[in-house]
N, C-alpha and C. Protein backbone atom coordinates (compact mmCIF):
# COMPACT_ATOMS: atom_id res chain seq x y z
N UNK A 1 0.27 -1.47 -2.29
CA UNK A 1 1.61 -0.94 -2.24
C UNK A 1 2.09 -0.83 -0.79
N UNK A 2 1.14 -0.52 0.13
CA UNK A 2 1.51 -0.44 1.54
C UNK A 2 2.00 -1.78 2.04
N UNK A 3 1.35 -2.85 1.57
CA UNK A 3 1.77 -4.19 1.99
C UNK A 3 3.16 -4.50 1.45
N UNK A 4 3.45 -4.09 0.22
CA UNK A 4 4.77 -4.32 -0.36
C UNK A 4 5.83 -3.57 0.42
N UNK A 5 5.52 -2.33 0.80
CA UNK A 5 6.46 -1.56 1.61
C UNK A 5 6.70 -2.26 2.94
N UNK A 6 5.63 -2.74 3.57
CA UNK A 6 5.75 -3.42 4.85
C UNK A 6 6.61 -4.68 4.71
N UNK A 7 6.37 -5.44 3.65
CA UNK A 7 7.14 -6.67 3.43
C UNK A 7 8.61 -6.33 3.23
N UNK A 8 8.90 -5.28 2.46
CA UNK A 8 10.30 -4.89 2.25
C UNK A 8 10.93 -4.43 3.55
N UNK A 9 10.16 -3.72 4.38
CA UNK A 9 10.68 -3.28 5.68
C UNK A 9 11.01 -4.48 6.55
N UNK A 10 10.13 -5.46 6.55
CA UNK A 10 10.35 -6.68 7.34
C UNK A 10 11.59 -7.41 6.84
N UNK A 11 11.72 -7.53 5.52
CA UNK A 11 12.89 -8.21 4.95
C UNK A 11 14.18 -7.49 5.33
N UNK A 12 14.17 -6.16 5.25
CA UNK A 12 15.36 -5.39 5.60
C UNK A 12 15.64 -5.48 7.10
N UNK A 13 14.59 -5.45 7.92
CA UNK A 13 14.76 -5.54 9.37
C UNK A 13 15.35 -6.88 9.76
N UNK A 14 14.99 -7.91 9.02
CA UNK A 14 15.51 -9.24 9.32
C UNK A 14 17.01 -9.31 9.08
N UNK A 15 17.53 -8.40 8.28
CA UNK A 15 18.96 -8.39 7.98
C UNK A 15 19.79 -7.76 9.09
N UNK A 16 19.16 -7.14 10.07
CA UNK A 16 19.88 -6.39 11.10
C UNK A 16 20.87 -7.26 11.84
N UNK A 17 20.47 -8.46 12.23
CA UNK A 17 21.33 -9.30 13.04
C UNK A 17 22.19 -10.26 12.23
N UNK A 18 22.08 -10.21 10.92
CA UNK A 18 22.90 -11.07 10.07
C UNK A 18 24.30 -10.48 9.96
N UNK A 19 25.30 -11.28 10.13
CA UNK A 19 26.67 -10.82 10.03
C UNK A 19 27.04 -10.72 8.55
N UNK A 20 27.34 -9.53 8.08
CA UNK A 20 27.69 -9.32 6.69
C UNK A 20 29.20 -9.44 6.55
N UNK A 21 29.64 -10.26 5.60
CA UNK A 21 31.06 -10.51 5.44
C UNK A 21 31.79 -9.38 4.70
N UNK A 22 31.11 -8.66 3.84
CA UNK A 22 31.77 -7.59 3.12
C UNK A 22 31.94 -6.38 4.04
N UNK A 23 33.02 -5.71 3.88
CA UNK A 23 33.33 -4.56 4.72
C UNK A 23 33.22 -3.27 3.91
N UNK A 24 32.62 -2.22 4.52
CA UNK A 24 32.59 -0.95 3.82
C UNK A 24 34.02 -0.44 3.64
N UNK A 25 34.22 0.34 2.62
CA UNK A 25 35.54 0.87 2.36
C UNK A 25 35.43 2.34 2.00
N UNK A 26 36.57 2.98 1.95
CA UNK A 26 36.53 4.39 1.63
C UNK A 26 36.18 4.59 0.16
N UNK A 27 35.58 5.73 -0.12
CA UNK A 27 35.17 6.04 -1.49
C UNK A 27 36.40 6.32 -2.33
N UNK A 28 36.48 5.68 -3.46
CA UNK A 28 37.55 5.95 -4.39
C UNK A 28 37.01 5.80 -5.80
N UNK A 29 37.14 6.86 -6.57
CA UNK A 29 36.77 6.81 -7.97
C UNK A 29 38.03 6.97 -8.79
N UNK A 30 38.09 6.29 -9.92
CA UNK A 30 39.27 6.36 -10.77
C UNK A 30 39.53 7.78 -11.27
N UNK A 31 38.45 8.50 -11.52
CA UNK A 31 38.58 9.84 -12.08
C UNK A 31 37.65 10.80 -11.33
N UNK A 32 38.05 12.06 -11.28
CA UNK A 32 37.22 13.08 -10.66
C UNK A 32 36.08 13.51 -11.54
N UNK A 33 36.17 13.14 -12.83
CA UNK A 33 35.13 13.52 -13.78
C UNK A 33 35.06 12.48 -14.88
N UNK A 34 33.84 12.06 -15.21
CA UNK A 34 33.61 11.17 -16.34
C UNK A 34 32.49 11.79 -17.15
N UNK A 35 32.80 12.12 -18.39
CA UNK A 35 31.81 12.74 -19.27
C UNK A 35 32.22 12.50 -20.71
N UNK A 36 32.24 11.23 -21.11
CA UNK A 36 32.71 10.84 -22.44
C UNK A 36 31.94 11.51 -23.57
N UNK A 37 30.65 11.73 -23.38
CA UNK A 37 29.83 12.31 -24.44
C UNK A 37 29.52 13.79 -24.21
N UNK A 38 30.24 14.42 -23.32
CA UNK A 38 30.10 15.85 -23.02
C UNK A 38 28.66 16.21 -22.63
N UNK A 39 28.02 15.31 -21.88
CA UNK A 39 26.65 15.53 -21.44
C UNK A 39 26.56 16.69 -20.46
N UNK A 40 27.54 16.81 -19.58
CA UNK A 40 27.48 17.86 -18.55
C UNK A 40 27.53 19.26 -19.16
N UNK A 41 28.08 19.38 -20.34
CA UNK A 41 28.23 20.70 -20.97
C UNK A 41 27.12 21.05 -21.94
N UNK A 42 26.13 20.18 -22.07
CA UNK A 42 25.05 20.43 -23.04
C UNK A 42 24.20 21.62 -22.64
N UNK A 43 23.65 22.28 -23.66
CA UNK A 43 22.60 23.27 -23.45
C UNK A 43 21.29 22.52 -23.57
N UNK A 44 20.55 22.45 -22.50
CA UNK A 44 19.34 21.65 -22.46
C UNK A 44 18.21 22.33 -23.20
N UNK A 45 17.51 21.56 -24.01
CA UNK A 45 16.37 22.04 -24.77
C UNK A 45 15.19 22.29 -23.82
N UNK A 46 15.03 21.40 -22.84
CA UNK A 46 13.99 21.52 -21.81
C UNK A 46 14.62 21.21 -20.46
N UNK A 47 14.11 21.88 -19.43
CA UNK A 47 14.58 21.64 -18.07
C UNK A 47 13.39 21.79 -17.13
N UNK A 48 13.03 20.69 -16.44
CA UNK A 48 11.88 20.68 -15.55
C UNK A 48 12.34 20.26 -14.16
N UNK A 49 12.02 21.04 -13.15
CA UNK A 49 12.37 20.70 -11.78
C UNK A 49 11.58 19.48 -11.33
N UNK A 50 12.28 18.51 -10.74
CA UNK A 50 11.62 17.34 -10.18
C UNK A 50 11.51 17.53 -8.67
N UNK A 51 10.34 17.28 -8.15
CA UNK A 51 10.09 17.44 -6.72
C UNK A 51 10.21 16.09 -6.02
N UNK A 52 10.46 16.14 -4.72
CA UNK A 52 10.49 14.93 -3.92
C UNK A 52 11.91 14.52 -3.59
N UNK A 53 12.02 13.41 -2.92
CA UNK A 53 13.33 12.91 -2.52
C UNK A 53 13.75 13.50 -1.20
N UNK A 54 14.76 12.89 -0.60
CA UNK A 54 15.21 13.32 0.71
C UNK A 54 16.64 13.85 0.71
N UNK A 55 17.28 13.89 -0.45
CA UNK A 55 18.69 14.24 -0.49
C UNK A 55 18.95 15.73 -0.41
N UNK A 56 17.98 16.54 -0.75
CA UNK A 56 18.19 17.98 -0.77
C UNK A 56 18.86 18.47 -2.04
N UNK A 57 19.17 17.58 -2.96
CA UNK A 57 19.81 17.97 -4.22
C UNK A 57 18.81 18.69 -5.11
N UNK A 58 19.32 19.58 -5.95
CA UNK A 58 18.50 20.18 -6.99
C UNK A 58 18.45 19.16 -8.12
N UNK A 59 17.25 18.70 -8.46
CA UNK A 59 17.09 17.62 -9.42
C UNK A 59 16.19 18.09 -10.56
N UNK A 60 16.64 17.85 -11.79
CA UNK A 60 15.91 18.30 -12.97
C UNK A 60 15.78 17.16 -13.98
N UNK A 61 14.65 17.13 -14.66
CA UNK A 61 14.49 16.30 -15.85
C UNK A 61 14.93 17.20 -17.00
N UNK A 62 15.91 16.76 -17.77
CA UNK A 62 16.43 17.57 -18.86
C UNK A 62 16.34 16.82 -20.18
N UNK A 63 16.13 17.56 -21.25
CA UNK A 63 16.01 16.99 -22.58
C UNK A 63 16.96 17.76 -23.49
N UNK A 64 17.79 17.03 -24.24
CA UNK A 64 18.69 17.71 -25.17
C UNK A 64 18.00 17.91 -26.52
N UNK A 65 18.69 18.54 -27.43
CA UNK A 65 18.09 18.87 -28.73
C UNK A 65 17.73 17.64 -29.56
N UNK A 66 18.34 16.50 -29.27
CA UNK A 66 18.01 15.27 -30.01
C UNK A 66 16.81 14.54 -29.40
N UNK A 67 16.33 15.02 -28.26
CA UNK A 67 15.19 14.40 -27.59
C UNK A 67 15.58 13.41 -26.50
N UNK A 68 16.87 13.22 -26.28
CA UNK A 68 17.32 12.31 -25.22
C UNK A 68 16.98 12.92 -23.85
N UNK A 69 16.47 12.08 -22.95
CA UNK A 69 16.01 12.54 -21.64
C UNK A 69 16.96 12.02 -20.56
N UNK A 70 17.31 12.89 -19.63
CA UNK A 70 18.21 12.55 -18.53
C UNK A 70 17.67 13.17 -17.24
N UNK A 71 18.30 12.78 -16.13
CA UNK A 71 18.09 13.46 -14.85
C UNK A 71 19.42 14.10 -14.49
N UNK A 72 19.36 15.40 -14.21
CA UNK A 72 20.54 16.18 -13.83
C UNK A 72 20.43 16.49 -12.35
N UNK A 73 21.45 16.12 -11.57
CA UNK A 73 21.48 16.38 -10.12
C UNK A 73 22.60 17.36 -9.83
N UNK A 74 22.26 18.42 -9.12
CA UNK A 74 23.25 19.42 -8.72
C UNK A 74 23.47 19.30 -7.21
N UNK A 75 24.67 18.87 -6.83
CA UNK A 75 25.03 18.75 -5.42
C UNK A 75 26.27 19.60 -5.12
N UNK A 76 26.41 20.70 -5.85
CA UNK A 76 27.61 21.53 -5.76
C UNK A 76 27.82 22.14 -4.38
N UNK A 77 26.76 22.31 -3.61
CA UNK A 77 26.85 22.95 -2.30
C UNK A 77 27.37 21.99 -1.22
N UNK A 78 27.49 20.73 -1.52
CA UNK A 78 27.91 19.75 -0.52
C UNK A 78 29.43 19.72 -0.37
N UNK A 79 29.87 19.18 0.77
CA UNK A 79 31.29 18.97 1.02
C UNK A 79 31.81 17.93 0.04
N UNK A 80 33.10 18.00 -0.27
CA UNK A 80 33.71 17.09 -1.24
C UNK A 80 33.45 15.63 -0.88
N UNK A 81 33.60 15.27 0.38
CA UNK A 81 33.39 13.89 0.82
C UNK A 81 31.95 13.44 0.56
N UNK A 82 30.99 14.32 0.78
CA UNK A 82 29.58 13.98 0.53
C UNK A 82 29.30 13.81 -0.96
N UNK A 83 29.92 14.66 -1.79
CA UNK A 83 29.76 14.52 -3.24
C UNK A 83 30.34 13.19 -3.70
N UNK A 84 31.51 12.87 -3.20
CA UNK A 84 32.18 11.62 -3.56
C UNK A 84 31.33 10.43 -3.15
N UNK A 85 30.77 10.46 -1.94
CA UNK A 85 29.94 9.37 -1.45
C UNK A 85 28.71 9.17 -2.34
N UNK A 86 28.05 10.28 -2.71
CA UNK A 86 26.84 10.15 -3.53
C UNK A 86 27.16 9.64 -4.93
N UNK A 87 28.21 10.17 -5.54
CA UNK A 87 28.58 9.72 -6.88
C UNK A 87 28.98 8.24 -6.85
N UNK A 88 29.71 7.85 -5.83
CA UNK A 88 30.13 6.45 -5.71
C UNK A 88 28.91 5.54 -5.56
N UNK A 89 27.92 5.95 -4.78
CA UNK A 89 26.69 5.16 -4.61
C UNK A 89 25.94 5.05 -5.95
N UNK A 90 25.88 6.16 -6.70
CA UNK A 90 25.25 6.12 -8.03
C UNK A 90 25.99 5.14 -8.93
N UNK A 91 27.31 5.15 -8.86
CA UNK A 91 28.13 4.29 -9.71
C UNK A 91 27.84 2.81 -9.40
N UNK A 92 27.81 2.46 -8.13
CA UNK A 92 27.54 1.08 -7.74
C UNK A 92 26.13 0.67 -8.18
N UNK A 93 25.13 1.50 -7.86
CA UNK A 93 23.74 1.16 -8.21
C UNK A 93 23.57 1.02 -9.72
N UNK A 94 24.26 1.85 -10.49
CA UNK A 94 24.20 1.78 -11.95
C UNK A 94 24.84 0.50 -12.46
N UNK A 95 26.03 0.20 -11.97
CA UNK A 95 26.77 -0.97 -12.45
C UNK A 95 26.11 -2.29 -12.07
N UNK A 96 25.41 -2.33 -10.94
CA UNK A 96 24.81 -3.58 -10.47
C UNK A 96 23.33 -3.69 -10.80
N UNK A 97 22.79 -2.72 -11.54
CA UNK A 97 21.46 -2.85 -12.10
C UNK A 97 20.29 -2.54 -11.19
N UNK A 98 20.51 -1.85 -10.10
CA UNK A 98 19.36 -1.49 -9.27
C UNK A 98 19.20 0.01 -9.11
N UNK A 99 19.85 0.77 -9.94
CA UNK A 99 19.70 2.22 -9.95
C UNK A 99 19.72 2.71 -11.38
N UNK A 100 19.48 4.00 -11.56
CA UNK A 100 19.53 4.55 -12.92
C UNK A 100 20.96 4.48 -13.47
N UNK A 101 21.07 4.47 -14.79
CA UNK A 101 22.40 4.45 -15.42
C UNK A 101 23.11 5.76 -15.14
N UNK A 102 24.36 5.68 -14.76
CA UNK A 102 25.18 6.87 -14.51
C UNK A 102 25.90 7.22 -15.81
N UNK A 103 25.54 8.37 -16.40
CA UNK A 103 26.14 8.78 -17.67
C UNK A 103 27.37 9.66 -17.48
N UNK A 104 27.30 10.57 -16.51
CA UNK A 104 28.41 11.51 -16.36
C UNK A 104 28.39 12.09 -14.95
N UNK A 105 29.58 12.50 -14.49
CA UNK A 105 29.68 13.19 -13.21
C UNK A 105 30.94 14.05 -13.18
N UNK A 106 30.90 15.04 -12.32
CA UNK A 106 32.08 15.87 -12.05
C UNK A 106 32.05 16.16 -10.56
N UNK A 107 32.99 15.58 -9.83
CA UNK A 107 33.00 15.72 -8.37
C UNK A 107 33.19 17.18 -7.97
N UNK A 108 34.16 17.85 -8.55
CA UNK A 108 34.45 19.24 -8.14
C UNK A 108 33.29 20.18 -8.40
N UNK A 109 32.58 19.98 -9.50
CA UNK A 109 31.44 20.84 -9.82
C UNK A 109 30.15 20.35 -9.17
N UNK A 110 30.15 19.12 -8.66
CA UNK A 110 28.96 18.57 -8.02
C UNK A 110 27.82 18.33 -8.99
N UNK A 111 28.14 17.84 -10.17
CA UNK A 111 27.14 17.57 -11.19
C UNK A 111 27.09 16.07 -11.47
N UNK A 112 25.86 15.57 -11.60
CA UNK A 112 25.64 14.16 -11.90
C UNK A 112 24.54 14.07 -12.95
N UNK A 113 24.73 13.23 -13.97
CA UNK A 113 23.68 12.99 -14.96
C UNK A 113 23.42 11.49 -15.01
N UNK A 114 22.14 11.13 -14.78
CA UNK A 114 21.73 9.73 -14.78
C UNK A 114 20.52 9.56 -15.69
N UNK A 115 20.16 8.31 -15.95
CA UNK A 115 18.98 8.06 -16.77
C UNK A 115 17.72 8.37 -15.97
N UNK A 116 16.66 8.66 -16.69
CA UNK A 116 15.36 8.89 -16.07
C UNK A 116 14.66 7.54 -15.93
N UNK A 117 14.23 7.22 -14.73
CA UNK A 117 13.49 5.99 -14.51
C UNK A 117 12.02 6.30 -14.75
N UNK A 118 11.50 5.79 -15.84
CA UNK A 118 10.11 6.03 -16.21
C UNK A 118 9.19 5.16 -15.36
N UNK A 119 8.00 5.67 -15.10
CA UNK A 119 7.02 4.86 -14.38
C UNK A 119 6.52 3.77 -15.32
N UNK A 120 5.99 2.74 -14.72
CA UNK A 120 5.51 1.60 -15.50
C UNK A 120 4.04 1.37 -15.24
N UNK A 121 3.32 1.02 -16.27
CA UNK A 121 1.91 0.69 -16.11
C UNK A 121 1.74 -0.82 -15.90
N UNK A 122 2.85 -1.52 -15.86
CA UNK A 122 2.84 -2.97 -15.68
C UNK A 122 2.32 -3.31 -14.28
N UNK A 123 1.38 -4.21 -14.20
CA UNK A 123 0.86 -4.62 -12.91
C UNK A 123 1.31 -6.04 -12.62
N UNK A 124 1.70 -6.25 -11.39
CA UNK A 124 2.14 -7.57 -10.96
C UNK A 124 1.26 -8.05 -9.81
N UNK A 125 1.01 -9.34 -9.77
CA UNK A 125 0.29 -9.87 -8.62
C UNK A 125 1.22 -9.81 -7.41
N UNK A 126 0.68 -9.99 -6.23
CA UNK A 126 1.46 -9.84 -5.00
C UNK A 126 2.68 -10.76 -4.95
N UNK A 127 2.53 -11.99 -5.37
CA UNK A 127 3.66 -12.93 -5.34
C UNK A 127 4.77 -12.46 -6.29
N UNK A 128 4.40 -11.96 -7.46
CA UNK A 128 5.41 -11.46 -8.40
C UNK A 128 6.09 -10.22 -7.85
N UNK A 129 5.34 -9.34 -7.17
CA UNK A 129 5.92 -8.15 -6.55
C UNK A 129 6.97 -8.56 -5.53
N UNK A 130 6.63 -9.55 -4.72
CA UNK A 130 7.56 -10.02 -3.69
C UNK A 130 8.80 -10.62 -4.35
N UNK A 131 8.61 -11.40 -5.41
CA UNK A 131 9.75 -12.02 -6.11
C UNK A 131 10.68 -10.96 -6.70
N UNK A 132 10.10 -9.92 -7.30
CA UNK A 132 10.90 -8.84 -7.88
C UNK A 132 11.67 -8.12 -6.78
N UNK A 133 11.00 -7.85 -5.67
CA UNK A 133 11.64 -7.16 -4.55
C UNK A 133 12.77 -8.00 -3.97
N UNK A 134 12.54 -9.28 -3.78
CA UNK A 134 13.57 -10.17 -3.24
C UNK A 134 14.79 -10.21 -4.17
N UNK A 135 14.54 -10.31 -5.47
CA UNK A 135 15.66 -10.33 -6.44
C UNK A 135 16.46 -9.04 -6.37
N UNK A 136 15.77 -7.90 -6.25
CA UNK A 136 16.46 -6.61 -6.15
C UNK A 136 17.28 -6.52 -4.86
N UNK A 137 16.71 -6.95 -3.76
CA UNK A 137 17.43 -6.93 -2.49
C UNK A 137 18.66 -7.83 -2.52
N UNK A 138 18.54 -8.99 -3.17
CA UNK A 138 19.69 -9.88 -3.30
C UNK A 138 20.80 -9.22 -4.11
N UNK A 139 20.44 -8.56 -5.22
CA UNK A 139 21.45 -7.85 -6.03
C UNK A 139 22.15 -6.79 -5.19
N UNK A 140 21.39 -6.05 -4.40
CA UNK A 140 21.97 -4.99 -3.57
C UNK A 140 22.92 -5.56 -2.53
N UNK A 141 22.48 -6.63 -1.86
CA UNK A 141 23.29 -7.19 -0.78
C UNK A 141 24.50 -7.97 -1.28
N UNK A 142 24.45 -8.46 -2.50
CA UNK A 142 25.59 -9.19 -3.06
C UNK A 142 26.61 -8.26 -3.71
N UNK A 143 26.21 -7.05 -3.98
CA UNK A 143 27.11 -6.08 -4.62
C UNK A 143 28.12 -5.52 -3.64
N UNK A 144 28.97 -4.64 -4.12
CA UNK A 144 29.99 -4.06 -3.24
C UNK A 144 29.37 -3.16 -2.18
N UNK A 145 30.09 -3.01 -1.10
CA UNK A 145 29.65 -2.13 -0.02
C UNK A 145 29.81 -0.68 -0.46
N UNK A 146 29.01 0.17 0.12
CA UNK A 146 29.15 1.59 -0.15
C UNK A 146 30.31 2.16 0.65
N UNK A 147 30.48 3.45 0.57
CA UNK A 147 31.61 4.12 1.21
C UNK A 147 31.63 3.90 2.72
N UNK A 148 32.80 4.07 3.27
CA UNK A 148 33.02 3.91 4.70
C UNK A 148 32.30 5.03 5.45
N UNK A 149 31.23 4.68 6.08
CA UNK A 149 30.49 5.60 6.93
C UNK A 149 29.58 4.76 7.82
N UNK A 150 28.85 5.37 8.68
CA UNK A 150 27.98 4.62 9.58
C UNK A 150 26.81 4.08 8.78
N UNK A 151 26.62 2.77 8.82
CA UNK A 151 25.54 2.14 8.06
C UNK A 151 24.19 2.54 8.64
N UNK A 152 23.15 2.38 7.83
CA UNK A 152 21.80 2.70 8.29
C UNK A 152 21.41 1.82 9.47
N UNK A 153 21.92 0.60 9.50
CA UNK A 153 21.63 -0.29 10.62
C UNK A 153 22.25 0.24 11.90
N UNK A 154 23.53 0.67 11.82
CA UNK A 154 24.18 1.23 13.00
C UNK A 154 23.54 2.54 13.42
N UNK A 155 23.12 3.36 12.45
CA UNK A 155 22.43 4.60 12.79
C UNK A 155 21.14 4.30 13.53
N UNK A 156 20.40 3.28 13.06
CA UNK A 156 19.14 2.89 13.72
C UNK A 156 19.40 2.39 15.13
N UNK A 157 20.43 1.57 15.29
CA UNK A 157 20.76 1.07 16.64
C UNK A 157 21.13 2.21 17.57
N UNK A 158 21.93 3.15 17.09
CA UNK A 158 22.33 4.29 17.93
C UNK A 158 21.11 5.12 18.32
N UNK A 159 20.21 5.35 17.37
CA UNK A 159 19.00 6.11 17.66
C UNK A 159 18.13 5.34 18.66
N UNK A 160 18.01 4.04 18.48
CA UNK A 160 17.23 3.21 19.40
C UNK A 160 17.82 3.30 20.81
N UNK A 161 19.16 3.19 20.92
CA UNK A 161 19.81 3.29 22.24
C UNK A 161 19.58 4.65 22.86
N UNK A 162 19.65 5.70 22.05
CA UNK A 162 19.44 7.05 22.55
C UNK A 162 18.02 7.21 23.08
N UNK A 163 17.05 6.66 22.34
CA UNK A 163 15.65 6.75 22.76
C UNK A 163 15.44 5.96 24.05
N UNK A 164 16.05 4.78 24.16
CA UNK A 164 15.90 3.98 25.37
C UNK A 164 16.52 4.66 26.58
N UNK A 165 17.63 5.37 26.39
CA UNK A 165 18.30 6.06 27.50
C UNK A 165 17.65 7.39 27.84
N UNK A 166 16.84 7.90 26.95
CA UNK A 166 16.29 9.25 27.10
C UNK A 166 15.59 9.50 28.44
N UNK A 167 14.64 8.65 28.87
CA UNK A 167 13.95 8.94 30.12
C UNK A 167 14.89 9.01 31.33
N UNK A 168 15.95 8.20 31.36
CA UNK A 168 16.87 8.22 32.49
C UNK A 168 17.76 9.47 32.48
N UNK A 169 17.89 10.13 31.33
CA UNK A 169 18.79 11.29 31.25
C UNK A 169 18.06 12.60 31.52
N UNK A 170 16.78 12.53 31.81
CA UNK A 170 16.02 13.76 32.06
C UNK A 170 15.96 14.01 33.56
N UNK A 171 16.35 15.19 33.94
CA UNK A 171 16.25 15.59 35.34
C UNK A 171 15.63 16.98 35.36
N UNK A 172 14.40 17.08 35.77
CA UNK A 172 13.74 18.38 35.81
C UNK A 172 13.64 19.03 34.45
N UNK A 173 13.28 18.25 33.41
CA UNK A 173 13.15 18.73 32.04
C UNK A 173 14.45 19.24 31.45
N UNK A 174 15.58 18.80 31.96
CA UNK A 174 16.88 19.17 31.39
C UNK A 174 17.55 17.92 30.87
N UNK A 175 18.21 18.08 29.79
CA UNK A 175 18.94 16.94 29.22
C UNK A 175 20.40 17.12 29.49
């Protein structure tokens, strides 16, 4: 798995100098809330906290009375723009097949319900792993751009420049 991560890092790093023709745009959703099946209002039969991730969201595995399993994300504490950005990213990933299905959201309440991605016991040889990864990366890069903000590539470049300038900006341990 470490080798697969390394290969994906190398593939993504190779994209840094490639000129991307699609332009990021501002987040716009047709509706502030989508909940056709009233999933957001359900009383959950089971609710289990999921650990991990880097978003800081409160994330739960929830099960309704019929046994349907979902992931409920609570981002109510975030600024409106951040909620909009996250929901828009979920929408794109869901529609283009590289993220969980987006079932419902409410921007004002900061609630999102997506499908649970189950682990797989399926084993692939290294070449198949690389092929699957390449196909997923192609889907991501061919899909629409995310919201207008600083891309991870630009963030990395800015951090790299800051690190390179760091020694010259120190005078007597003062920055």
